[in-house]
């Protein structure tokens, strides 16, 4: 309305003097910035480390195994709301406590200060599997001091699209696409149908949906990794050719961590 008042009604309301980027930060409210991402954002790496932790220290080399639970679904509340599909309305806050019982989980220690993120979280996973291909879903959550796990954002990638390309290709190199994020071609000729063949360890790096969120002191930052989102997305055709739950092949994801194969989460922390 302020935009229309200024440029259609010629009302001098100061809209043209405001900073161009307006972002809502959960638990803080609206903020204005000169650029996206904001200039005072620092990328901080949290390694997947020992004892299912997220740590700024690199752990010893280790492998986590996760037997995919294909009944996992990222539908929330009684209305079965999914924040990506948006075909239903949420009737309450999205909580992941029950969902995460079907995932492999990594989380930080209790935060001793407030952490505010603004931008795209990035996940980098070194994976192998007993199947030739697989799907990977990653959820970022906020765990409060009582243990309630609140959904924050998510990202997903089919392992066959693991190869990274120049994101400027998405606009035929007409200009430099910003911000710089991991970009996957999605062209048929660039698809790898069997990335995990021959016990290969594959690097899956992709962005989660952007947001601005304040993790309060005394809370924990958590990521949950799943291999399916039942009833919201189709199963990987290598694992379930007829896209049925009953015919999903037993699938194990192996997450490699440490100095040799470093799996980590990058958070855009604003100061």
Protein backbone atom coordinates (compact mmCIF):
# COMPACT_ATOMS: atom_id res chain seq x y z
CA UNK A 1 0.00 0.00 0.00
CA UNK A 2 2.86 2.37 0.75
CA UNK A 3 4.33 1.60 -2.69
CA UNK A 4 1.04 2.39 -4.45
CA UNK A 5 0.53 5.53 -2.38
CA UNK A 6 3.96 6.76 -3.40
CA UNK A 7 4.06 5.85 -7.09
CA UNK A 8 0.37 5.92 -8.09
CA UNK A 9 -1.00 8.64 -5.82
CA UNK A 10 2.23 10.64 -5.55
CA UNK A 11 1.98 10.77 -1.76
CA UNK A 12 5.29 11.72 -0.16
CA UNK A 13 5.34 8.95 2.49
CA UNK A 14 9.09 8.29 2.52
CA UNK A 15 8.77 4.88 0.86
CA UNK A 16 11.52 5.68 -1.66
CA UNK A 17 13.91 6.46 1.18
CA UNK A 18 13.60 3.07 2.87
CA UNK A 19 16.19 0.36 2.40
CA UNK A 20 15.18 -1.95 -0.48
CA UNK A 21 15.14 -5.32 1.33
CA UNK A 22 12.48 -6.01 3.95
CA UNK A 23 12.73 -9.25 5.93
CA UNK A 24 10.65 -10.68 8.74
CA UNK A 25 12.80 -12.29 11.43
CA UNK A 26 10.96 -14.77 13.63
CA UNK A 27 10.71 -13.49 17.23
CA UNK A 28 12.08 -10.08 16.25
CA UNK A 29 9.84 -8.57 13.56
CA UNK A 30 10.44 -6.66 10.32
CA UNK A 31 13.89 -5.35 9.42
CA UNK A 32 15.24 -3.38 6.46
CA UNK A 33 18.56 -4.07 4.73
CA UNK A 34 20.56 -2.59 1.85
CA UNK A 35 21.18 -5.94 0.15
CA UNK A 36 20.34 -9.62 0.05
CA UNK A 37 21.92 -11.38 1.75
CA UNK A 38 22.67 -8.60 4.25
CA UNK A 39 26.28 -7.42 4.33
CA UNK A 40 26.75 -8.26 8.01
CA UNK A 41 26.02 -11.97 7.55
CA UNK A 42 28.83 -14.41 8.34
CA UNK A 43 28.73 -18.02 7.17
CA UNK A 44 29.42 -20.33 10.12
CA UNK A 45 30.09 -24.04 9.62
CA UNK A 46 28.68 -26.69 11.96
CA UNK A 47 30.21 -30.10 11.35
CA UNK A 48 28.29 -33.33 11.74
CA UNK A 49 30.39 -34.75 14.53
CA UNK A 50 30.58 -37.42 17.22
CA UNK A 51 27.51 -38.47 19.18
CA UNK A 52 25.18 -36.98 16.57
CA UNK A 53 26.35 -33.47 17.37
CA UNK A 54 26.64 -30.30 15.32
CA UNK A 55 29.99 -28.81 16.23
CA UNK A 56 32.33 -26.08 15.01
CA UNK A 57 35.16 -28.55 15.61
CA UNK A 58 35.87 -31.23 13.00
CA UNK A 59 35.30 -34.70 14.40
CA UNK A 60 37.33 -37.86 13.95
CA UNK A 61 36.48 -39.78 10.79
CA UNK A 62 33.30 -41.78 11.31
CA UNK A 63 30.28 -43.16 9.46
CA UNK A 64 26.67 -42.88 10.58
CA UNK A 65 24.19 -45.35 9.17
CA UNK A 66 20.51 -44.53 8.81
CA UNK A 67 17.92 -47.09 7.76
CA UNK A 68 15.38 -45.05 5.82
CA UNK A 69 11.89 -45.06 7.30
CA UNK A 70 9.65 -44.62 4.28
CA UNK A 71 6.64 -43.81 6.45
CA UNK A 72 8.25 -40.48 7.36
CA UNK A 73 6.04 -37.59 6.29
CA UNK A 74 6.57 -33.85 6.67
CA UNK A 75 2.88 -33.14 7.12
CA UNK A 76 2.06 -31.18 10.26
CA UNK A 77 -0.91 -30.49 12.52
CA UNK A 78 -4.32 -32.12 12.31
CA UNK A 79 -4.86 -30.64 8.87
CA UNK A 80 -1.79 -32.50 7.47
CA UNK A 81 -0.29 -29.20 6.35
CA UNK A 82 2.94 -29.27 4.32
CA UNK A 83 4.82 -25.95 4.08
CA UNK A 84 6.11 -26.75 0.57
CA UNK A 85 2.86 -27.84 -1.06
CA UNK A 86 0.58 -25.25 0.58
CA UNK A 87 -2.65 -26.99 -0.42
CA UNK A 88 -3.89 -26.98 3.18
CA UNK A 89 -3.76 -24.43 5.97
CA UNK A 90 -1.84 -25.04 9.20
CA UNK A 91 -4.10 -25.13 12.25
CA UNK A 92 -1.26 -24.91 14.79
CA UNK A 93 2.54 -24.54 15.08
CA UNK A 94 4.61 -27.08 13.15
CA UNK A 95 6.35 -29.41 15.63
CA UNK A 96 8.74 -32.19 14.55
CA UNK A 97 9.13 -34.31 17.71
CA UNK A 98 7.28 -37.32 16.30
CA UNK A 99 8.64 -36.81 12.78
CA UNK A 100 12.24 -36.86 13.99
CA UNK A 101 11.82 -40.32 15.48
CA UNK A 102 11.89 -41.53 11.87
CA UNK A 103 15.02 -39.54 10.95
CA UNK A 104 18.68 -39.40 11.87
CA UNK A 105 19.26 -36.27 13.96
CA UNK A 106 22.24 -34.01 14.68
CA UNK A 107 22.10 -31.03 17.04
CA UNK A 108 24.23 -28.46 18.80
CA UNK A 109 24.77 -28.17 22.50
CA UNK A 110 22.50 -25.74 24.31
CA UNK A 111 23.20 -22.25 22.97
CA UNK A 112 24.84 -19.88 25.45
CA UNK A 113 23.83 -16.85 23.39
CA UNK A 114 21.18 -15.88 20.86
CA UNK A 115 21.91 -16.90 17.26
CA UNK A 116 20.05 -15.13 14.44
CA UNK A 117 20.25 -16.48 10.89
CA UNK A 118 19.25 -14.59 7.76
CA UNK A 119 19.63 -16.18 4.35
CA UNK A 120 20.03 -19.67 2.88
CA UNK A 121 21.32 -22.47 5.14
CA UNK A 122 23.52 -24.85 3.13
CA UNK A 123 23.88 -28.58 3.78
CA UNK A 124 26.91 -30.53 2.57
CA UNK A 125 26.65 -34.31 2.99
CA UNK A 126 29.13 -37.02 2.06
CA UNK A 127 26.88 -40.01 1.41
CA UNK A 128 26.94 -43.60 0.28
CA UNK A 129 24.15 -46.15 0.20
CA UNK A 130 23.27 -49.79 -0.33
CA UNK A 131 21.01 -48.64 -3.19
CA UNK A 132 22.13 -47.13 -6.49
CA UNK A 133 20.15 -43.95 -5.92
CA UNK A 134 18.21 -42.28 -3.11
CA UNK A 135 16.39 -39.13 -2.05
CA UNK A 136 17.59 -36.93 0.82
CA UNK A 137 15.42 -34.58 2.85
CA UNK A 138 16.99 -32.23 5.42
CA UNK A 139 15.01 -30.28 8.03
CA UNK A 140 16.36 -27.44 10.17
CA UNK A 141 14.65 -27.10 13.56
CA UNK A 142 14.73 -25.10 16.78
CA UNK A 143 14.72 -27.19 19.95
CA UNK A 144 13.52 -25.21 22.96
CA UNK A 145 14.61 -25.68 26.58
CA UNK A 146 11.77 -28.16 27.22
CA UNK A 147 12.65 -30.34 24.21
CA UNK A 148 9.90 -29.22 21.83
CA UNK A 149 11.23 -29.29 18.24
CA UNK A 150 9.92 -26.48 16.04
CA UNK A 151 10.18 -26.68 12.26
CA UNK A 152 12.26 -23.86 10.74
CA UNK A 153 13.00 -24.73 7.10
CA UNK A 154 14.00 -27.59 4.80
CA UNK A 155 15.74 -28.67 1.61
CA UNK A 156 15.77 -31.80 -0.50
CA UNK A 157 17.73 -33.39 -3.33
CA UNK A 158 17.62 -36.61 -5.35
CA UNK A 159 21.13 -38.04 -5.29
CA UNK A 160 21.11 -38.44 -9.07
CA UNK A 161 21.27 -34.62 -9.32
CA UNK A 162 24.37 -34.34 -7.13
CA UNK A 163 26.62 -32.67 -9.71
CA UNK A 164 27.10 -28.93 -9.28
CA UNK A 165 27.05 -26.45 -12.16
CA UNK A 166 27.46 -22.73 -12.67
CA UNK A 167 24.17 -21.13 -11.61
CA UNK A 168 24.51 -18.61 -14.44
CA UNK A 169 23.57 -21.44 -16.81
CA UNK A 170 20.01 -21.10 -15.52
CA UNK A 171 19.76 -17.81 -17.45
CA UNK A 172 21.99 -18.89 -20.36
CA UNK A 173 24.85 -16.84 -18.89
CA UNK A 174 23.08 -13.57 -19.65
CA UNK A 175 24.03 -12.18 -16.25
CA UNK A 176 25.53 -13.17 -12.89
CA UNK A 177 22.88 -14.87 -10.77
CA UNK A 178 22.86 -13.80 -7.12
CA UNK A 179 23.21 -14.97 -4.43
CA UNK A 180 25.81 -17.64 -5.14
CA UNK A 181 24.22 -20.95 -4.12
CA UNK A 182 24.81 -24.61 -5.00
CA UNK A 183 23.00 -25.13 -8.29
CA UNK A 184 22.07 -28.44 -9.92
CA UNK A 185 21.47 -28.54 -13.65
CA UNK A 186 18.26 -30.61 -13.81
CA UNK A 187 18.95 -31.25 -17.49
CA UNK A 188 18.36 -34.84 -18.53
CA UNK A 189 21.88 -35.29 -19.87
CA UNK A 190 23.37 -34.25 -16.51
CA UNK A 191 21.44 -36.77 -14.42
CA UNK A 192 23.38 -39.59 -12.79
CA UNK A 193 21.01 -42.58 -12.50
CA UNK A 194 23.26 -44.62 -10.19
CA UNK A 195 25.47 -42.29 -8.12
CA UNK A 196 26.05 -44.82 -5.34
CA UNK A 197 27.18 -47.70 -7.54
CA UNK A 198 30.49 -49.37 -6.62
CA UNK A 199 30.27 -48.12 -3.01
CA UNK A 200 30.84 -44.56 -4.20
CA UNK A 201 30.79 -41.72 -1.70
CA UNK A 202 28.85 -38.85 -3.25
CA UNK A 203 28.88 -35.21 -2.21
CA UNK A 204 25.37 -33.74 -1.93
CA UNK A 205 25.47 -29.99 -1.40
CA UNK A 206 22.29 -27.96 -1.60
CA UNK A 207 20.53 -24.94 -0.15
CA UNK A 208 17.64 -25.03 2.26
CA UNK A 209 14.81 -22.55 1.79
CA UNK A 210 15.88 -19.04 2.91
CA UNK A 211 14.57 -17.48 6.09
CA UNK A 212 15.32 -15.18 9.01
CA UNK A 213 15.06 -16.85 12.45
CA UNK A 214 16.29 -16.17 15.95
CA UNK A 215 17.45 -19.19 17.98
CA UNK A 216 17.20 -18.10 21.57
CA UNK A 217 19.73 -18.65 24.33
CA UNK A 218 19.13 -22.05 25.96
CA UNK A 219 17.80 -23.59 22.73
CA UNK A 220 19.51 -26.03 20.34
CA UNK A 221 19.92 -26.03 16.56
CA UNK A 222 18.96 -29.35 14.97
CA UNK A 223 19.01 -30.95 11.56
CA UNK A 224 17.02 -34.08 10.77
CA UNK A 225 17.78 -36.20 7.72
CA UNK A 226 15.17 -38.44 6.10
CA UNK A 227 15.05 -40.52 2.93
CA UNK A 228 11.38 -40.05 2.10
CA UNK A 229 8.41 -37.73 2.55
CA UNK A 230 5.51 -40.13 2.29
CA UNK A 231 2.26 -38.81 0.77
CA UNK A 232 3.88 -35.49 -0.17
CA UNK A 233 6.53 -36.55 -2.69
CA UNK A 234 6.98 -39.59 -4.89
CA UNK A 235 9.48 -42.24 -3.81
CA UNK A 236 12.74 -42.56 -5.69
CA UNK A 237 11.92 -44.80 -8.71
CA UNK A 238 15.07 -46.89 -8.15
CA UNK A 239 13.83 -47.75 -4.67
CA UNK A 240 10.11 -48.08 -5.44
CA UNK A 241 9.46 -48.42 -9.19
CA UNK A 242 5.68 -48.45 -8.70
CA UNK A 243 5.76 -45.62 -6.12
CA UNK A 244 4.16 -47.67 -3.37
CA UNK A 245 5.17 -47.81 0.25
CA UNK A 246 4.91 -51.60 0.41
CA UNK A 247 7.43 -52.08 -2.40
CA UNK A 248 10.16 -49.72 -1.16
CA UNK A 249 13.48 -51.55 -1.11
CA UNK A 250 15.30 -51.56 2.26
CA UNK A 251 17.60 -48.56 2.02
CA UNK A 252 20.47 -47.45 4.22
CA UNK A 253 22.16 -44.08 3.94
CA UNK A 254 25.73 -43.82 5.22
CA UNK A 255 26.78 -40.33 6.31
CA UNK A 256 30.55 -39.88 6.28
CA UNK A 257 32.00 -37.29 8.66
CA UNK A 258 35.41 -36.08 9.75
CA UNK A 259 38.46 -34.60 8.07
CA UNK A 260 38.55 -36.88 5.03
CA UNK A 261 34.85 -36.72 4.16
CA UNK A 262 33.48 -33.66 5.88
CA UNK A 263 29.71 -33.36 6.23
CA UNK A 264 28.47 -30.05 7.58
CA UNK A 265 25.77 -27.42 7.86
CA UNK A 266 26.47 -23.79 6.97
CA UNK A 267 24.34 -21.15 8.66
CA UNK A 268 24.17 -17.49 7.60
CA UNK A 269 24.50 -15.84 11.01
CA UNK A 270 23.84 -12.13 11.23
CA UNK A 271 25.65 -9.89 13.67
